[in-house]
Amino acid sequence: MDKQQLKDREAKVIELAVAFCNERLDEECAELCTKLVQKLGRKRSYPLQSGRLEIWAAAAVYTICSVNFMLTKDSRLHTSSSEIAEHFGASASTITQKSSLIRDLLGISDFFDPEFSTEEVAAQNPFSRLRLDNGFFTF
């Protein structure tokens, strides 16, 4: 697969993920999905070169949603793994497996990731207020 074909695949994954975000979530989520897919596209192994594009898009959305606690019903922006799976025509287990691969490839934390968190989630993270002052951590 040549470089242009790889970039075309990346662009299509972004298009699919952004369409879901625009329909069911918000613009900030669309931007985070775009950032995530672009970062995957810069990996030397280029993981996007194989597999269904819809599954990559679904896994990108799922990853952003899980990092930002959007898979819980009490979240302001809420979706479920089954809604993501239905939208993209994939099984929830396949999406979670691909999301796990994405997390491993990009070193995304299971609990909080400052690079892929929404402003709202980042503001609520108690560790974001933690400071080192004279060798001691303070809030």
N, C-alpha and C. Protein backbone atom coordinates (compact mmCIF):
# COMPACT_ATOMS: atom_id res chain seq x y z
N MET A 1 0.85 -1.16 0.00
CA MET A 1 0.00 0.00 0.00
C MET A 1 0.91 1.24 0.00
N ASP A 2 0.66 2.15 -0.92
CA ASP A 2 1.52 3.34 -0.99
C ASP A 2 1.06 4.40 0.01
N LYS A 3 1.87 5.43 0.14
CA LYS A 3 1.63 6.48 1.14
C LYS A 3 0.28 7.17 0.93
N GLN A 4 -0.11 7.42 -0.31
CA GLN A 4 -1.39 8.08 -0.58
C GLN A 4 -2.57 7.21 -0.17
N GLN A 5 -2.48 5.92 -0.42
CA GLN A 5 -3.55 5.01 -0.02
C GLN A 5 -3.70 4.98 1.50
N LEU A 6 -2.56 5.01 2.20
CA LEU A 6 -2.59 5.02 3.66
C LEU A 6 -3.24 6.30 4.18
N LYS A 7 -2.89 7.43 3.58
CA LYS A 7 -3.48 8.72 3.98
C LYS A 7 -4.98 8.75 3.66
N ASP A 8 -5.38 8.13 2.56
CA ASP A 8 -6.80 8.05 2.21
C ASP A 8 -7.57 7.23 3.24
N ARG A 9 -6.96 6.12 3.70
CA ARG A 9 -7.60 5.30 4.73
C ARG A 9 -7.75 6.09 6.03
N GLU A 10 -6.70 6.81 6.38
CA GLU A 10 -6.73 7.63 7.59
C GLU A 10 -7.84 8.68 7.50
N ALA A 11 -7.93 9.34 6.36
CA ALA A 11 -8.95 10.37 6.15
C ALA A 11 -10.35 9.79 6.25
N LYS A 12 -10.55 8.61 5.74
CA LYS A 12 -11.88 7.97 5.78
C LYS A 12 -12.25 7.58 7.22
N VAL A 13 -11.27 7.08 7.98
CA VAL A 13 -11.53 6.74 9.39
C VAL A 13 -11.92 8.00 10.15
N ILE A 14 -11.20 9.09 9.91
CA ILE A 14 -11.53 10.36 10.55
C ILE A 14 -12.93 10.80 10.17
N GLU A 15 -13.25 10.72 8.89
CA GLU A 15 -14.58 11.12 8.40
C GLU A 15 -15.69 10.34 9.10
N LEU A 16 -15.52 9.04 9.22
CA LEU A 16 -16.53 8.20 9.87
C LEU A 16 -16.67 8.53 11.36
N ALA A 17 -15.55 8.69 12.04
CA ALA A 17 -15.58 8.99 13.48
C ALA A 17 -16.20 10.37 13.73
N VAL A 18 -15.81 11.35 12.94
CA VAL A 18 -16.34 12.71 13.10
C VAL A 18 -17.84 12.75 12.83
N ALA A 19 -18.29 12.01 11.85
CA ALA A 19 -19.73 11.96 11.55
C ALA A 19 -20.52 11.45 12.76
N PHE A 20 -20.01 10.40 13.41
CA PHE A 20 -20.68 9.89 14.61
C PHE A 20 -20.69 10.95 15.71
N CYS A 21 -19.53 11.57 15.95
CA CYS A 21 -19.42 12.58 17.00
C CYS A 21 -20.35 13.76 16.74
N ASN A 22 -20.41 14.21 15.52
CA ASN A 22 -21.27 15.34 15.18
C ASN A 22 -22.74 15.00 15.36
N GLU A 23 -23.08 13.76 15.11
CA GLU A 23 -24.48 13.32 15.22
C GLU A 23 -24.89 13.05 16.67
N ARG A 24 -23.99 12.45 17.46
CA ARG A 24 -24.39 11.99 18.79
C ARG A 24 -23.64 12.61 19.97
N LEU A 25 -22.51 13.25 19.71
CA LEU A 25 -21.72 13.80 20.81
C LEU A 25 -21.53 15.30 20.61
N ASP A 26 -20.30 15.75 20.40
CA ASP A 26 -20.08 17.17 20.15
C ASP A 26 -18.79 17.40 19.36
N GLU A 27 -18.53 18.66 19.07
CA GLU A 27 -17.38 19.02 18.24
C GLU A 27 -16.05 18.71 18.94
N GLU A 28 -15.99 18.89 20.23
CA GLU A 28 -14.75 18.59 20.96
C GLU A 28 -14.40 17.11 20.84
N CYS A 29 -15.40 16.24 20.93
CA CYS A 29 -15.16 14.80 20.76
C CYS A 29 -14.67 14.50 19.34
N ALA A 30 -15.25 15.17 18.37
CA ALA A 30 -14.82 15.00 16.97
C ALA A 30 -13.36 15.40 16.82
N GLU A 31 -12.97 16.49 17.46
CA GLU A 31 -11.57 16.94 17.39
C GLU A 31 -10.64 15.95 18.07
N LEU A 32 -11.05 15.39 19.20
CA LEU A 32 -10.23 14.41 19.90
C LEU A 32 -10.09 13.12 19.09
N CYS A 33 -11.17 12.70 18.43
CA CYS A 33 -11.10 11.52 17.57
C CYS A 33 -10.15 11.76 16.40
N THR A 34 -10.23 12.94 15.82
CA THR A 34 -9.34 13.29 14.71
C THR A 34 -7.89 13.24 15.18
N LYS A 35 -7.63 13.82 16.32
CA LYS A 35 -6.27 13.84 16.88
C LYS A 35 -5.76 12.42 17.12
N LEU A 36 -6.63 11.56 17.66
CA LEU A 36 -6.26 10.18 17.94
C LEU A 36 -5.93 9.43 16.66
N VAL A 37 -6.78 9.54 15.65
CA VAL A 37 -6.55 8.82 14.39
C VAL A 37 -5.29 9.35 13.69
N GLN A 38 -5.08 10.65 13.73
CA GLN A 38 -3.87 11.22 13.12
C GLN A 38 -2.62 10.71 13.83
N LYS A 39 -2.70 10.57 15.14
CA LYS A 39 -1.55 10.04 15.88
C LYS A 39 -1.31 8.57 15.52
N LEU A 40 -2.37 7.81 15.34
CA LEU A 40 -2.22 6.42 14.88
C LEU A 40 -1.56 6.39 13.50
N GLY A 41 -1.94 7.35 12.65
CA GLY A 41 -1.39 7.42 11.30
C GLY A 41 0.08 7.74 11.26
N ARG A 42 0.61 8.28 12.34
CA ARG A 42 2.04 8.59 12.40
C ARG A 42 2.87 7.45 12.97
N LYS A 43 2.22 6.39 13.42
CA LYS A 43 2.95 5.25 13.97
C LYS A 43 3.72 4.55 12.86
N ARG A 44 4.93 4.15 13.17
CA ARG A 44 5.78 3.48 12.18
C ARG A 44 5.13 2.21 11.64
N SER A 45 4.45 1.48 12.50
CA SER A 45 3.81 0.22 12.08
C SER A 45 2.55 0.46 11.25
N TYR A 46 2.07 1.68 11.25
CA TYR A 46 0.85 2.12 10.56
C TYR A 46 -0.29 1.10 10.69
N PRO A 47 -0.89 1.04 11.88
CA PRO A 47 -1.93 0.04 12.14
C PRO A 47 -3.18 0.18 11.26
N LEU A 48 -3.43 1.37 10.74
CA LEU A 48 -4.65 1.59 9.95
C LEU A 48 -4.60 0.95 8.56
N GLN A 49 -3.47 0.35 8.20
CA GLN A 49 -3.35 -0.21 6.85
C GLN A 49 -4.16 -1.48 6.65
N SER A 50 -4.58 -2.10 7.74
CA SER A 50 -5.39 -3.32 7.58
C SER A 50 -6.61 -3.23 8.48
N GLY A 51 -7.62 -3.98 8.13
CA GLY A 51 -8.86 -3.99 8.91
C GLY A 51 -9.90 -3.06 8.32
N ARG A 52 -11.13 -3.30 8.74
CA ARG A 52 -12.24 -2.46 8.27
C ARG A 52 -12.15 -1.06 8.83
N LEU A 53 -12.35 -0.09 7.98
CA LEU A 53 -12.26 1.31 8.39
C LEU A 53 -13.33 1.65 9.43
N GLU A 54 -14.50 1.06 9.30
CA GLU A 54 -15.59 1.31 10.24
C GLU A 54 -15.20 0.85 11.66
N ILE A 55 -14.46 -0.24 11.74
CA ILE A 55 -14.04 -0.73 13.06
C ILE A 55 -13.00 0.19 13.67
N TRP A 56 -12.06 0.68 12.86
CA TRP A 56 -11.09 1.65 13.36
C TRP A 56 -11.80 2.92 13.85
N ALA A 57 -12.77 3.40 13.09
CA ALA A 57 -13.51 4.60 13.49
C ALA A 57 -14.28 4.34 14.78
N ALA A 58 -14.94 3.21 14.86
CA ALA A 58 -15.70 2.87 16.06
C ALA A 58 -14.77 2.76 17.27
N ALA A 59 -13.62 2.16 17.09
CA ALA A 59 -12.66 2.01 18.19
C ALA A 59 -12.11 3.37 18.62
N ALA A 60 -11.90 4.27 17.68
CA ALA A 60 -11.44 5.62 18.02
C ALA A 60 -12.50 6.33 18.86
N VAL A 61 -13.75 6.25 18.44
CA VAL A 61 -14.86 6.87 19.18
C VAL A 61 -14.97 6.23 20.56
N TYR A 62 -14.93 4.92 20.62
CA TYR A 62 -15.04 4.20 21.89
C TYR A 62 -13.92 4.61 22.84
N THR A 63 -12.70 4.71 22.31
CA THR A 63 -11.55 5.09 23.14
C THR A 63 -11.75 6.48 23.74
N ILE A 64 -12.14 7.44 22.91
CA ILE A 64 -12.37 8.80 23.40
C ILE A 64 -13.52 8.81 24.41
N CYS A 65 -14.57 8.09 24.13
CA CYS A 65 -15.71 8.03 25.05
C CYS A 65 -15.33 7.39 26.38
N SER A 66 -14.53 6.34 26.36
CA SER A 66 -14.17 5.68 27.61
C SER A 66 -13.21 6.53 28.43
N VAL A 67 -12.26 7.20 27.79
CA VAL A 67 -11.34 8.09 28.50
C VAL A 67 -12.09 9.23 29.18
N ASN A 68 -13.20 9.64 28.57
CA ASN A 68 -13.97 10.78 29.07
C ASN A 68 -15.25 10.37 29.78
N PHE A 69 -15.36 9.11 30.17
CA PHE A 69 -16.47 8.60 30.97
C PHE A 69 -17.83 8.80 30.31
N MET A 70 -17.87 8.81 28.99
CA MET A 70 -19.13 9.01 28.27
C MET A 70 -19.92 7.72 28.10
N LEU A 71 -19.37 6.62 28.56
CA LEU A 71 -20.09 5.36 28.46
C LEU A 71 -20.93 5.10 29.70
N THR A 72 -20.93 6.06 30.63
CA THR A 72 -21.78 5.96 31.82
C THR A 72 -23.02 6.82 31.62
N LYS A 73 -24.12 6.37 32.16
CA LYS A 73 -25.40 7.06 31.93
C LYS A 73 -25.48 8.44 32.58
N ASP A 74 -24.67 8.68 33.59
CA ASP A 74 -24.74 9.98 34.26
C ASP A 74 -23.84 11.03 33.62
N SER A 75 -23.22 10.71 32.51
CA SER A 75 -22.39 11.66 31.79
C SER A 75 -23.25 12.64 31.00
N ARG A 76 -22.81 13.89 30.93
CA ARG A 76 -23.55 14.90 30.15
C ARG A 76 -23.68 14.44 28.70
N LEU A 77 -22.58 14.01 28.12
CA LEU A 77 -22.60 13.40 26.78
C LEU A 77 -22.55 11.90 27.00
N HIS A 78 -23.56 11.22 26.57
CA HIS A 78 -23.63 9.78 26.85
C HIS A 78 -23.88 9.00 25.57
N THR A 79 -23.16 7.91 25.44
CA THR A 79 -23.44 6.91 24.42
C THR A 79 -23.05 5.58 25.03
N SER A 80 -23.44 4.51 24.40
CA SER A 80 -23.10 3.19 24.92
C SER A 80 -22.29 2.44 23.87
N SER A 81 -21.62 1.41 24.33
CA SER A 81 -20.84 0.59 23.39
C SER A 81 -21.75 -0.05 22.35
N SER A 82 -22.98 -0.39 22.75
CA SER A 82 -23.90 -1.00 21.79
C SER A 82 -24.37 0.01 20.74
N GLU A 83 -24.54 1.29 21.14
CA GLU A 83 -24.90 2.32 20.16
C GLU A 83 -23.76 2.55 19.16
N ILE A 84 -22.53 2.56 19.66
CA ILE A 84 -21.37 2.72 18.78
C ILE A 84 -21.30 1.53 17.83
N ALA A 85 -21.45 0.34 18.38
CA ALA A 85 -21.37 -0.88 17.57
C ALA A 85 -22.46 -0.90 16.49
N GLU A 86 -23.67 -0.56 16.88
CA GLU A 86 -24.78 -0.54 15.92
C GLU A 86 -24.53 0.48 14.81
N HIS A 87 -24.09 1.66 15.18
CA HIS A 87 -23.85 2.72 14.20
C HIS A 87 -22.82 2.29 13.15
N PHE A 88 -21.76 1.63 13.61
CA PHE A 88 -20.67 1.26 12.69
C PHE A 88 -20.80 -0.16 12.13
N GLY A 89 -21.83 -0.89 12.55
CA GLY A 89 -22.03 -2.24 12.03
C GLY A 89 -20.95 -3.21 12.44
N ALA A 90 -20.58 -3.15 13.71
CA ALA A 90 -19.54 -4.03 14.23
C ALA A 90 -19.96 -4.55 15.59
N SER A 91 -19.30 -5.59 16.06
CA SER A 91 -19.63 -6.12 17.38
C SER A 91 -18.92 -5.31 18.45
N ALA A 92 -19.56 -5.19 19.60
CA ALA A 92 -18.99 -4.44 20.71
C ALA A 92 -17.66 -5.04 21.15
N SER A 93 -17.55 -6.36 21.13
CA SER A 93 -16.30 -7.00 21.57
C SER A 93 -15.15 -6.68 20.60
N THR A 94 -15.43 -6.63 19.31
CA THR A 94 -14.40 -6.28 18.33
C THR A 94 -13.93 -4.84 18.55
N ILE A 95 -14.88 -3.96 18.83
CA ILE A 95 -14.55 -2.55 19.06
C ILE A 95 -13.70 -2.39 20.31
N THR A 96 -14.06 -3.08 21.39
CA THR A 96 -13.28 -2.95 22.62
C THR A 96 -11.88 -3.55 22.46
N GLN A 97 -11.76 -4.62 21.70
CA GLN A 97 -10.44 -5.19 21.43
C GLN A 97 -9.57 -4.21 20.64
N LYS A 98 -10.15 -3.58 19.62
CA LYS A 98 -9.41 -2.62 18.81
C LYS A 98 -9.07 -1.39 19.65
N SER A 99 -9.98 -0.98 20.53
CA SER A 99 -9.72 0.15 21.42
C SER A 99 -8.55 -0.17 22.35
N SER A 100 -8.50 -1.39 22.83
CA SER A 100 -7.39 -1.81 23.69
C SER A 100 -6.06 -1.72 22.93
N LEU A 101 -6.08 -2.11 21.67
CA LEU A 101 -4.88 -2.00 20.83
C LEU A 101 -4.47 -0.53 20.68
N ILE A 102 -5.45 0.34 20.45
CA ILE A 102 -5.18 1.77 20.32
C ILE A 102 -4.55 2.31 21.60
N ARG A 103 -5.13 1.95 22.73
CA ARG A 103 -4.60 2.40 24.03
C ARG A 103 -3.15 1.96 24.21
N ASP A 104 -2.87 0.71 23.84
CA ASP A 104 -1.51 0.20 23.96
C ASP A 104 -0.55 0.92 23.02
N LEU A 105 -0.96 1.09 21.77
CA LEU A 105 -0.10 1.74 20.78
C LEU A 105 0.22 3.19 21.13
N LEU A 106 -0.77 3.90 21.69
CA LEU A 106 -0.60 5.32 21.97
C LEU A 106 -0.31 5.61 23.45
N GLY A 107 -0.25 4.57 24.27
CA GLY A 107 0.05 4.76 25.69
C GLY A 107 -1.01 5.56 26.42
N ILE A 108 -2.27 5.28 26.11
CA ILE A 108 -3.39 5.99 26.73
C ILE A 108 -3.76 5.30 28.04
N SER A 109 -3.84 6.08 29.10
CA SER A 109 -4.15 5.56 30.42
C SER A 109 -5.60 5.08 30.50
N ASP A 110 -5.83 4.11 31.36
CA ASP A 110 -7.20 3.62 31.59
C ASP A 110 -8.02 4.58 32.43
N PHE A 111 -7.38 5.47 33.16
CA PHE A 111 -8.10 6.32 34.10
C PHE A 111 -8.18 7.78 33.66
N PHE A 112 -7.07 8.34 33.24
CA PHE A 112 -7.07 9.74 32.83
C PHE A 112 -5.95 9.94 31.84
N ASP A 113 -6.25 10.58 30.75
CA ASP A 113 -5.23 10.88 29.76
C ASP A 113 -5.36 12.35 29.38
N PRO A 114 -4.41 13.18 29.77
CA PRO A 114 -4.54 14.61 29.51
C PRO A 114 -4.60 14.97 28.03
N GLU A 115 -3.98 14.16 27.19
CA GLU A 115 -3.95 14.46 25.75
C GLU A 115 -5.31 14.23 25.09
N PHE A 116 -6.08 13.28 25.58
CA PHE A 116 -7.33 12.92 24.93
C PHE A 116 -8.56 13.16 25.82
N SER A 117 -8.42 13.99 26.83
CA SER A 117 -9.54 14.32 27.69
C SER A 117 -10.22 15.60 27.23
N THR A 118 -11.52 15.65 27.42
CA THR A 118 -12.26 16.88 27.14
C THR A 118 -11.88 17.91 28.21
N GLU A 119 -12.14 19.16 27.93
CA GLU A 119 -11.85 20.22 28.90
C GLU A 119 -12.62 19.97 30.20
N GLU A 120 -13.86 19.52 30.07
CA GLU A 120 -14.70 19.26 31.24
C GLU A 120 -14.10 18.19 32.14
N VAL A 121 -13.65 17.10 31.54
CA VAL A 121 -13.06 16.00 32.32
C VAL A 121 -11.73 16.43 32.91
N ALA A 122 -10.93 17.13 32.15
CA ALA A 122 -9.63 17.61 32.64
C ALA A 122 -9.81 18.54 33.84
N ALA A 123 -10.82 19.39 33.79
CA ALA A 123 -11.08 20.33 34.89
C ALA A 123 -11.51 19.61 36.16
N GLN A 124 -12.17 18.47 36.02
CA GLN A 124 -12.65 17.72 37.18
C GLN A 124 -11.59 16.79 37.77
N ASN A 125 -10.48 16.61 37.07
CA ASN A 125 -9.43 15.72 37.55
C ASN A 125 -8.71 16.37 38.73
N PRO A 126 -8.76 15.75 39.90
CA PRO A 126 -8.11 16.36 41.06
C PRO A 126 -6.60 16.50 40.90
N PHE A 127 -5.98 15.65 40.10
CA PHE A 127 -4.54 15.70 39.93
C PHE A 127 -4.09 16.87 39.05
N SER A 128 -5.03 17.47 38.32
CA SER A 128 -4.66 18.62 37.50
C SER A 128 -4.35 19.84 38.35
N ARG A 129 -4.82 19.84 39.61
CA ARG A 129 -4.55 20.95 40.52
C ARG A 129 -3.35 20.68 41.43
N LEU A 130 -2.77 19.50 41.32
CA LEU A 130 -1.66 19.10 42.16
C LEU A 130 -0.39 19.85 41.74
N ARG A 131 0.29 20.45 42.71
CA ARG A 131 1.51 21.22 42.44
C ARG A 131 2.62 20.76 43.38
N LEU A 132 3.85 20.89 42.92
CA LEU A 132 5.00 20.59 43.74
C LEU A 132 5.52 21.91 44.30
N ASP A 133 5.52 22.05 45.62
CA ASP A 133 5.95 23.29 46.27
C ASP A 133 6.97 22.94 47.34
N ASN A 134 8.21 23.34 47.14
CA ASN A 134 9.31 23.06 48.10
C ASN A 134 9.40 21.56 48.42
N GLY A 135 9.24 20.72 47.41
CA GLY A 135 9.35 19.28 47.61
C GLY A 135 8.11 18.59 48.12
N PHE A 136 7.02 19.35 48.31
CA PHE A 136 5.77 18.77 48.80
C PHE A 136 4.66 18.98 47.77
N PHE A 137 3.80 18.01 47.64
CA PHE A 137 2.65 18.14 46.76
C PHE A 137 1.54 18.90 47.48
N THR A 138 0.99 19.90 46.81
CA THR A 138 -0.11 20.68 47.36
C THR A 138 -1.21 20.81 46.30
N PHE A 139 -2.40 21.13 46.75
CA PHE A 139 -3.51 21.36 45.83
C PHE A 139 -3.73 22.83 45.64
